[in-house]
Amino acid sequence: MKNTVITSPFKGLVKKLETIDDTAFASGAIGQGIAIEPEEGKVYAPVAGTVTTLFPTHHAIGITSDEGAEVLIHVGMDTVRLEGEHFTAHIKQGDRVEIGQLLLEFDQEKIEAAGYSLITPVVVTNFSDYDVVIMEQTEVEMQDLIMELRAK
């Protein structure tokens, strides 16, 4: 494991993970990180690495960074129930990605109209390997620094 930085996958408003309405994410059981309310329906790679998980429903992506950090981006709450509707993947599992590469597109209006929150956790799932430093901010632009990971 090496030190690494995680950038924002899109522009939006930042929320503390523990404040979101999802027990698994809010408790930190899934990982350490932040949640972002997206301002546009596109998700960009927050690290350079390999897509290790692309859920069949395209609502969540796991990327292992070149430095070994396992980053999960989970678009919305309970959006797995949409069974992929309103989501378009631009990558597939096993693909190599670079920071800023378009990963997913999603239709914000249709997802919200279906009754789902778009709050998106961005978490490091192998956080026990790192000291995770979360940047204090309320708004982010795509590719803004959101976390620094210091290898233990």
N, C-alpha and C. Protein backbone atom coordinates (compact mmCIF):
# COMPACT_ATOMS: atom_id res chain seq x y z
N MET A 1 0.84 -1.19 0.00
CA MET A 1 0.00 0.00 0.00
C MET A 1 0.89 1.25 0.00
N LYS A 2 0.45 2.22 -0.77
CA LYS A 2 1.17 3.49 -0.85
C LYS A 2 0.19 4.63 -0.58
N ASN A 3 0.74 5.78 -0.21
CA ASN A 3 -0.10 6.96 -0.05
C ASN A 3 -0.79 7.26 -1.37
N THR A 4 -1.99 7.79 -1.29
CA THR A 4 -2.71 8.16 -2.50
C THR A 4 -3.70 9.26 -2.20
N VAL A 5 -4.22 9.87 -3.24
CA VAL A 5 -5.26 10.88 -3.08
C VAL A 5 -6.48 10.44 -3.88
N ILE A 6 -7.63 10.84 -3.37
CA ILE A 6 -8.90 10.54 -4.03
C ILE A 6 -9.50 11.89 -4.43
N THR A 7 -9.92 11.99 -5.69
CA THR A 7 -10.53 13.23 -6.17
C THR A 7 -12.04 13.04 -6.30
N SER A 8 -12.74 14.14 -6.42
CA SER A 8 -14.19 14.06 -6.53
C SER A 8 -14.61 13.53 -7.90
N PRO A 9 -15.56 12.58 -7.91
CA PRO A 9 -16.03 12.03 -9.18
C PRO A 9 -16.99 12.95 -9.93
N PHE A 10 -17.42 14.03 -9.29
CA PHE A 10 -18.29 15.02 -9.95
C PHE A 10 -18.44 16.26 -9.08
N LYS A 11 -19.11 17.27 -9.65
CA LYS A 11 -19.40 18.51 -8.93
C LYS A 11 -20.61 18.27 -8.04
N GLY A 12 -20.55 18.82 -6.82
CA GLY A 12 -21.71 18.66 -5.96
C GLY A 12 -21.50 19.21 -4.56
N LEU A 13 -22.49 18.97 -3.73
CA LEU A 13 -22.47 19.39 -2.33
C LEU A 13 -22.03 18.23 -1.46
N VAL A 14 -21.08 18.50 -0.57
CA VAL A 14 -20.50 17.46 0.28
C VAL A 14 -21.31 17.31 1.57
N LYS A 15 -21.51 16.06 1.97
CA LYS A 15 -22.17 15.73 3.24
C LYS A 15 -21.25 14.78 4.00
N LYS A 16 -21.31 14.87 5.31
CA LYS A 16 -20.58 13.89 6.12
C LYS A 16 -21.29 12.55 5.97
N LEU A 17 -20.50 11.50 5.83
CA LEU A 17 -21.06 10.17 5.63
C LEU A 17 -22.05 9.80 6.73
N GLU A 18 -21.70 10.14 7.98
CA GLU A 18 -22.55 9.74 9.10
C GLU A 18 -23.91 10.43 9.11
N THR A 19 -24.13 11.44 8.24
CA THR A 19 -25.41 12.15 8.22
C THR A 19 -26.39 11.60 7.19
N ILE A 20 -25.94 10.65 6.35
CA ILE A 20 -26.84 10.19 5.29
C ILE A 20 -27.77 9.10 5.80
N ASP A 21 -28.86 8.92 5.06
CA ASP A 21 -29.93 8.01 5.48
C ASP A 21 -29.69 6.60 4.95
N ASP A 22 -28.57 6.02 5.37
CA ASP A 22 -28.25 4.64 5.03
C ASP A 22 -27.33 4.12 6.12
N THR A 23 -27.82 3.20 6.91
CA THR A 23 -27.09 2.75 8.09
C THR A 23 -25.73 2.17 7.76
N ALA A 24 -25.65 1.34 6.71
CA ALA A 24 -24.37 0.69 6.38
C ALA A 24 -23.31 1.72 6.02
N PHE A 25 -23.67 2.72 5.23
CA PHE A 25 -22.71 3.76 4.86
C PHE A 25 -22.46 4.71 6.03
N ALA A 26 -23.54 5.14 6.69
CA ALA A 26 -23.42 6.13 7.77
C ALA A 26 -22.59 5.60 8.94
N SER A 27 -22.65 4.30 9.19
CA SER A 27 -21.92 3.70 10.31
C SER A 27 -20.44 3.52 9.99
N GLY A 28 -20.09 3.63 8.72
CA GLY A 28 -18.71 3.40 8.31
C GLY A 28 -18.40 1.93 8.08
N ALA A 29 -19.42 1.07 8.13
CA ALA A 29 -19.21 -0.37 7.96
C ALA A 29 -18.69 -0.71 6.56
N ILE A 30 -19.13 0.05 5.57
CA ILE A 30 -18.73 -0.23 4.19
C ILE A 30 -17.38 0.41 3.88
N GLY A 31 -17.14 1.58 4.49
CA GLY A 31 -15.87 2.26 4.24
C GLY A 31 -15.86 3.66 4.82
N GLN A 32 -14.71 4.29 4.76
CA GLN A 32 -14.58 5.67 5.22
C GLN A 32 -14.55 6.58 4.01
N GLY A 33 -15.17 7.75 4.15
CA GLY A 33 -15.18 8.69 3.05
C GLY A 33 -16.18 9.79 3.26
N ILE A 34 -16.80 10.22 2.15
CA ILE A 34 -17.78 11.29 2.18
C ILE A 34 -18.95 10.90 1.30
N ALA A 35 -19.99 11.73 1.35
CA ALA A 35 -21.11 11.59 0.43
C ALA A 35 -21.24 12.91 -0.32
N ILE A 36 -21.63 12.83 -1.57
CA ILE A 36 -21.78 14.02 -2.39
C ILE A 36 -23.15 14.00 -3.06
N GLU A 37 -23.84 15.13 -3.02
CA GLU A 37 -25.10 15.31 -3.75
C GLU A 37 -24.70 15.83 -5.13
N PRO A 38 -24.81 15.01 -6.19
CA PRO A 38 -24.30 15.41 -7.50
C PRO A 38 -25.11 16.54 -8.14
N GLU A 39 -24.40 17.39 -8.89
CA GLU A 39 -25.07 18.46 -9.62
C GLU A 39 -25.23 18.12 -11.09
N GLU A 40 -24.63 17.03 -11.53
CA GLU A 40 -24.83 16.58 -12.92
C GLU A 40 -24.81 15.06 -12.94
N GLY A 41 -25.38 14.50 -13.99
CA GLY A 41 -25.53 13.05 -14.07
C GLY A 41 -24.37 12.32 -14.71
N LYS A 42 -23.15 12.68 -14.31
CA LYS A 42 -21.98 11.99 -14.84
C LYS A 42 -21.02 11.69 -13.70
N VAL A 43 -20.41 10.51 -13.75
CA VAL A 43 -19.44 10.09 -12.74
C VAL A 43 -18.10 9.89 -13.44
N TYR A 44 -17.05 10.54 -12.90
CA TYR A 44 -15.71 10.45 -13.46
C TYR A 44 -14.78 9.72 -12.49
N ALA A 45 -13.77 9.08 -13.00
CA ALA A 45 -12.85 8.30 -12.17
C ALA A 45 -12.12 9.21 -11.17
N PRO A 46 -12.19 8.86 -9.86
CA PRO A 46 -11.53 9.65 -8.83
C PRO A 46 -10.07 9.26 -8.62
N VAL A 47 -9.67 8.14 -9.24
CA VAL A 47 -8.29 7.63 -9.14
C VAL A 47 -7.94 6.95 -10.46
N ALA A 48 -6.65 6.75 -10.67
CA ALA A 48 -6.20 5.91 -11.79
C ALA A 48 -6.09 4.50 -11.26
N GLY A 49 -6.59 3.54 -12.02
CA GLY A 49 -6.53 2.16 -11.56
C GLY A 49 -7.36 1.24 -12.43
N THR A 50 -7.89 0.18 -11.80
CA THR A 50 -8.64 -0.84 -12.52
C THR A 50 -10.05 -0.94 -11.94
N VAL A 51 -11.04 -1.04 -12.83
CA VAL A 51 -12.42 -1.26 -12.40
C VAL A 51 -12.52 -2.71 -11.93
N THR A 52 -12.60 -2.88 -10.62
CA THR A 52 -12.65 -4.23 -10.06
C THR A 52 -14.08 -4.73 -9.90
N THR A 53 -15.03 -3.78 -9.79
CA THR A 53 -16.44 -4.15 -9.67
C THR A 53 -17.29 -3.15 -10.43
N LEU A 54 -18.10 -3.65 -11.34
CA LEU A 54 -19.14 -2.83 -11.94
C LEU A 54 -20.43 -3.61 -11.71
N PHE A 55 -21.29 -3.09 -10.84
CA PHE A 55 -22.52 -3.80 -10.53
C PHE A 55 -23.36 -3.91 -11.81
N PRO A 56 -24.06 -5.04 -12.00
CA PRO A 56 -24.86 -5.23 -13.22
C PRO A 56 -25.89 -4.12 -13.42
N THR A 57 -26.30 -3.49 -12.33
CA THR A 57 -27.29 -2.41 -12.37
C THR A 57 -26.64 -1.05 -12.66
N HIS A 58 -25.32 -1.01 -12.73
CA HIS A 58 -24.54 0.19 -13.06
C HIS A 58 -24.68 1.33 -12.06
N HIS A 59 -25.24 1.07 -10.88
CA HIS A 59 -25.40 2.12 -9.88
C HIS A 59 -24.16 2.26 -8.98
N ALA A 60 -23.24 1.33 -9.07
CA ALA A 60 -22.07 1.37 -8.20
C ALA A 60 -20.86 0.80 -8.92
N ILE A 61 -19.70 1.41 -8.61
CA ILE A 61 -18.44 1.00 -9.23
C ILE A 61 -17.38 0.90 -8.15
N GLY A 62 -16.59 -0.17 -8.22
CA GLY A 62 -15.42 -0.30 -7.36
C GLY A 62 -14.17 -0.20 -8.21
N ILE A 63 -13.24 0.65 -7.79
CA ILE A 63 -11.97 0.82 -8.50
C ILE A 63 -10.84 0.57 -7.53
N THR A 64 -9.87 -0.23 -7.93
CA THR A 64 -8.65 -0.38 -7.14
C THR A 64 -7.61 0.53 -7.78
N SER A 65 -7.15 1.50 -6.98
CA SER A 65 -6.19 2.47 -7.51
C SER A 65 -4.85 1.80 -7.74
N ASP A 66 -4.01 2.45 -8.52
CA ASP A 66 -2.67 1.93 -8.78
C ASP A 66 -1.88 1.74 -7.48
N GLU A 67 -2.24 2.52 -6.46
CA GLU A 67 -1.53 2.43 -5.17
C GLU A 67 -2.15 1.40 -4.23
N GLY A 68 -3.28 0.78 -4.63
CA GLY A 68 -3.89 -0.26 -3.82
C GLY A 68 -5.13 0.13 -3.05
N ALA A 69 -5.56 1.39 -3.14
CA ALA A 69 -6.78 1.82 -2.44
C ALA A 69 -8.00 1.28 -3.19
N GLU A 70 -8.95 0.77 -2.43
CA GLU A 70 -10.19 0.25 -3.00
C GLU A 70 -11.28 1.30 -2.79
N VAL A 71 -11.72 1.91 -3.89
CA VAL A 71 -12.67 3.02 -3.83
C VAL A 71 -14.01 2.57 -4.39
N LEU A 72 -15.07 2.81 -3.62
CA LEU A 72 -16.42 2.48 -4.04
C LEU A 72 -17.20 3.78 -4.24
N ILE A 73 -17.83 3.90 -5.40
CA ILE A 73 -18.72 5.02 -5.70
C ILE A 73 -20.11 4.41 -5.86
N HIS A 74 -21.04 4.82 -4.99
CA HIS A 74 -22.38 4.24 -4.97
C HIS A 74 -23.38 5.35 -5.27
N VAL A 75 -23.88 5.42 -6.52
CA VAL A 75 -24.76 6.51 -6.93
C VAL A 75 -26.15 6.32 -6.36
N GLY A 76 -26.53 7.19 -5.43
CA GLY A 76 -27.87 7.19 -4.87
C GLY A 76 -28.08 6.15 -3.78
N MET A 77 -29.22 6.29 -3.13
CA MET A 77 -29.62 5.37 -2.06
C MET A 77 -30.71 4.44 -2.58
N ASP A 78 -30.50 3.15 -2.42
CA ASP A 78 -31.44 2.11 -2.86
C ASP A 78 -31.66 2.08 -4.37
N THR A 79 -30.77 2.72 -5.13
CA THR A 79 -30.92 2.78 -6.59
C THR A 79 -30.71 1.43 -7.26
N VAL A 80 -30.22 0.45 -6.51
CA VAL A 80 -30.10 -0.91 -7.05
C VAL A 80 -31.49 -1.40 -7.49
N ARG A 81 -32.53 -0.90 -6.82
CA ARG A 81 -33.90 -1.32 -7.14
C ARG A 81 -34.35 -0.88 -8.53
N LEU A 82 -33.64 0.08 -9.11
CA LEU A 82 -33.98 0.52 -10.47
C LEU A 82 -33.51 -0.49 -11.52
N GLU A 83 -32.72 -1.47 -11.09
CA GLU A 83 -32.25 -2.56 -11.96
C GLU A 83 -31.56 -2.04 -13.22
N GLY A 84 -30.81 -0.95 -13.07
CA GLY A 84 -30.03 -0.42 -14.18
C GLY A 84 -30.73 0.65 -15.00
N GLU A 85 -32.04 0.81 -14.78
CA GLU A 85 -32.77 1.83 -15.53
C GLU A 85 -32.23 3.21 -15.17
N HIS A 86 -32.04 4.05 -16.16
CA HIS A 86 -31.54 5.43 -16.03
C HIS A 86 -30.03 5.50 -15.81
N PHE A 87 -29.31 4.38 -15.91
CA PHE A 87 -27.85 4.36 -15.76
C PHE A 87 -27.22 3.84 -17.05
N THR A 88 -26.12 4.47 -17.49
CA THR A 88 -25.37 4.02 -18.66
C THR A 88 -23.90 3.93 -18.26
N ALA A 89 -23.31 2.75 -18.40
CA ALA A 89 -21.90 2.58 -18.09
C ALA A 89 -21.05 2.84 -19.33
N HIS A 90 -19.94 3.52 -19.13
CA HIS A 90 -18.99 3.77 -20.23
C HIS A 90 -17.72 2.94 -20.07
N ILE A 91 -17.72 2.09 -19.06
CA ILE A 91 -16.58 1.22 -18.80
C ILE A 91 -17.14 -0.16 -18.47
N LYS A 92 -16.25 -1.15 -18.40
CA LYS A 92 -16.67 -2.48 -17.97
C LYS A 92 -15.68 -2.99 -16.92
N GLN A 93 -16.10 -4.00 -16.20
CA GLN A 93 -15.23 -4.59 -15.18
C GLN A 93 -13.93 -5.04 -15.83
N GLY A 94 -12.81 -4.72 -15.17
CA GLY A 94 -11.51 -5.08 -15.68
C GLY A 94 -10.81 -3.98 -16.46
N ASP A 95 -11.58 -2.93 -16.82
CA ASP A 95 -10.99 -1.82 -17.58
C ASP A 95 -10.00 -1.02 -16.73
N ARG A 96 -8.99 -0.52 -17.39
CA ARG A 96 -8.07 0.43 -16.77
C ARG A 96 -8.66 1.83 -16.96
N VAL A 97 -8.65 2.65 -15.91
CA VAL A 97 -9.18 4.01 -16.01
C VAL A 97 -8.16 5.01 -15.50
N GLU A 98 -8.27 6.22 -16.01
CA GLU A 98 -7.42 7.33 -15.58
C GLU A 98 -8.28 8.36 -14.85
N ILE A 99 -7.68 9.13 -13.97
CA ILE A 99 -8.41 10.18 -13.25
C ILE A 99 -9.12 11.07 -14.26
N GLY A 100 -10.40 11.33 -14.01
CA GLY A 100 -11.17 12.21 -14.87
C GLY A 100 -11.86 11.53 -16.03
N GLN A 101 -11.64 10.22 -16.19
CA GLN A 101 -12.30 9.48 -17.29
C GLN A 101 -13.77 9.27 -16.95
N LEU A 102 -14.66 9.46 -17.93
CA LEU A 102 -16.09 9.25 -17.73
C LEU A 102 -16.37 7.77 -17.48
N LEU A 103 -17.02 7.47 -16.36
CA LEU A 103 -17.34 6.09 -15.99
C LEU A 103 -18.81 5.76 -16.26
N LEU A 104 -19.68 6.65 -15.78
CA LEU A 104 -21.12 6.41 -15.83
C LEU A 104 -21.86 7.69 -16.16
N GLU A 105 -23.04 7.52 -16.72
CA GLU A 105 -23.99 8.62 -16.82
C GLU A 105 -25.29 8.12 -16.20
N PHE A 106 -26.03 9.05 -15.58
CA PHE A 106 -27.31 8.69 -14.99
C PHE A 106 -28.27 9.86 -15.17
N ASP A 107 -29.56 9.54 -15.26
CA ASP A 107 -30.59 10.56 -15.47
C ASP A 107 -31.11 11.02 -14.12
N GLN A 108 -30.57 12.14 -13.65
CA GLN A 108 -30.93 12.64 -12.32
C GLN A 108 -32.42 12.84 -12.16
N GLU A 109 -33.04 13.49 -13.13
CA GLU A 109 -34.46 13.82 -13.01
C GLU A 109 -35.32 12.57 -12.90
N LYS A 110 -35.04 11.59 -13.74
CA LYS A 110 -35.86 10.37 -13.73
C LYS A 110 -35.65 9.57 -12.44
N ILE A 111 -34.41 9.54 -11.95
CA ILE A 111 -34.13 8.80 -10.71
C ILE A 111 -34.82 9.47 -9.53
N GLU A 112 -34.73 10.81 -9.46
CA GLU A 112 -35.40 11.53 -8.37
C GLU A 112 -36.91 11.43 -8.50
N ALA A 113 -37.43 11.48 -9.74
CA ALA A 113 -38.88 11.35 -9.96
C ALA A 113 -39.39 9.98 -9.52
N ALA A 114 -38.51 8.98 -9.59
CA ALA A 114 -38.88 7.62 -9.15
C ALA A 114 -38.80 7.51 -7.61
N GLY A 115 -38.40 8.59 -6.96
CA GLY A 115 -38.41 8.62 -5.49
C GLY A 115 -37.10 8.29 -4.81
N TYR A 116 -35.99 8.31 -5.55
CA TYR A 116 -34.70 7.94 -4.98
C TYR A 116 -33.83 9.17 -4.74
N SER A 117 -33.08 9.12 -3.64
CA SER A 117 -32.09 10.14 -3.34
C SER A 117 -30.85 9.87 -4.18
N LEU A 118 -30.20 10.94 -4.65
CA LEU A 118 -28.97 10.78 -5.44
C LEU A 118 -27.71 10.96 -4.59
N ILE A 119 -27.85 11.11 -3.29
CA ILE A 119 -26.67 11.26 -2.44
C ILE A 119 -25.74 10.07 -2.72
N THR A 120 -24.48 10.37 -3.00
CA THR A 120 -23.55 9.35 -3.49
C THR A 120 -22.35 9.19 -2.56
N PRO A 121 -22.30 8.10 -1.80
CA PRO A 121 -21.11 7.83 -1.00
C PRO A 121 -19.90 7.53 -1.90
N VAL A 122 -18.77 8.10 -1.52
CA VAL A 122 -17.48 7.80 -2.15
C VAL A 122 -16.61 7.35 -0.99
N VAL A 123 -16.34 6.05 -0.92
CA VAL A 123 -15.67 5.50 0.26
C VAL A 123 -14.49 4.62 -0.12
N VAL A 124 -13.56 4.53 0.83
CA VAL A 124 -12.43 3.62 0.71
C VAL A 124 -12.79 2.39 1.53
N THR A 125 -12.92 1.24 0.84
CA THR A 125 -13.38 0.04 1.54
C THR A 125 -12.27 -0.66 2.30
N ASN A 126 -11.02 -0.49 1.88
CA ASN A 126 -9.90 -1.09 2.63
C ASN A 126 -9.23 -0.01 3.51
N PHE A 127 -10.08 0.77 4.18
CA PHE A 127 -9.64 1.90 4.98
C PHE A 127 -8.74 1.51 6.15
N SER A 128 -8.80 0.26 6.58
CA SER A 128 -7.95 -0.14 7.71
C SER A 128 -6.47 -0.15 7.34
N ASP A 129 -6.17 -0.13 6.03
CA ASP A 129 -4.78 -0.07 5.57
C ASP A 129 -4.23 1.35 5.58
N TYR A 130 -5.10 2.34 5.87
CA TYR A 130 -4.72 3.74 5.73
C TYR A 130 -5.16 4.58 6.92
N ASP A 131 -4.49 5.71 7.08
CA ASP A 131 -5.04 6.81 7.85
C ASP A 131 -5.74 7.66 6.82
N VAL A 132 -7.06 7.77 6.93
CA VAL A 132 -7.86 8.49 5.94
C VAL A 132 -8.07 9.92 6.42
N VAL A 133 -7.61 10.86 5.62
CA VAL A 133 -7.78 12.28 5.93
C VAL A 133 -8.80 12.84 4.95
N ILE A 134 -9.94 13.27 5.50
CA ILE A 134 -11.02 13.78 4.67
C ILE A 134 -10.94 15.31 4.65
N MET A 135 -10.95 15.87 3.44
CA MET A 135 -10.87 17.33 3.30
C MET A 135 -12.16 17.96 3.82
N GLU A 136 -12.01 19.06 4.53
CA GLU A 136 -13.18 19.78 5.06
C GLU A 136 -13.67 20.75 3.99
N GLN A 137 -14.78 20.45 3.38
CA GLN A 137 -15.35 21.34 2.37
C GLN A 137 -16.84 21.08 2.26
N THR A 138 -17.57 22.04 1.72
CA THR A 138 -19.01 21.88 1.57
C THR A 138 -19.43 21.71 0.12
N GLU A 139 -18.57 22.15 -0.80
CA GLU A 139 -18.85 21.98 -2.22
C GLU A 139 -17.57 21.51 -2.90
N VAL A 140 -17.74 20.69 -3.94
CA VAL A 140 -16.58 20.23 -4.71
C VAL A 140 -16.86 20.36 -6.20
N GLU A 141 -15.78 20.54 -6.93
CA GLU A 141 -15.81 20.47 -8.39
C GLU A 141 -15.24 19.10 -8.75
N MET A 142 -15.52 18.64 -9.95
CA MET A 142 -14.94 17.38 -10.40
C MET A 142 -13.42 17.48 -10.33
N GLN A 143 -12.79 16.47 -9.80
CA GLN A 143 -11.34 16.33 -9.62
C GLN A 143 -10.77 17.14 -8.46
N ASP A 144 -11.60 17.80 -7.65
CA ASP A 144 -11.09 18.41 -6.42
C ASP A 144 -10.63 17.30 -5.49
N LEU A 145 -9.61 17.57 -4.71
CA LEU A 145 -9.13 16.62 -3.72
C LEU A 145 -10.18 16.44 -2.64
N ILE A 146 -10.61 15.19 -2.37
CA ILE A 146 -11.58 14.97 -1.30
C ILE A 146 -11.01 14.14 -0.15
N MET A 147 -9.99 13.31 -0.42
CA MET A 147 -9.38 12.49 0.62
C MET A 147 -7.91 12.27 0.34
N GLU A 148 -7.14 12.19 1.42
CA GLU A 148 -5.74 11.75 1.33
C GLU A 148 -5.65 10.47 2.13
N LEU A 149 -5.00 9.47 1.55
CA LEU A 149 -4.83 8.20 2.22
C LEU A 149 -3.35 8.03 2.52
N ARG A 150 -3.05 7.83 3.80
CA ARG A 150 -1.67 7.64 4.22
C ARG A 150 -1.50 6.19 4.64
N ALA A 151 -0.67 5.47 3.92
CA ALA A 151 -0.48 4.04 4.20
C ALA A 151 0.05 3.84 5.60
N LYS A 152 -0.47 2.82 6.29
CA LYS A 152 -0.04 2.52 7.66
C LYS A 152 1.21 1.67 7.64
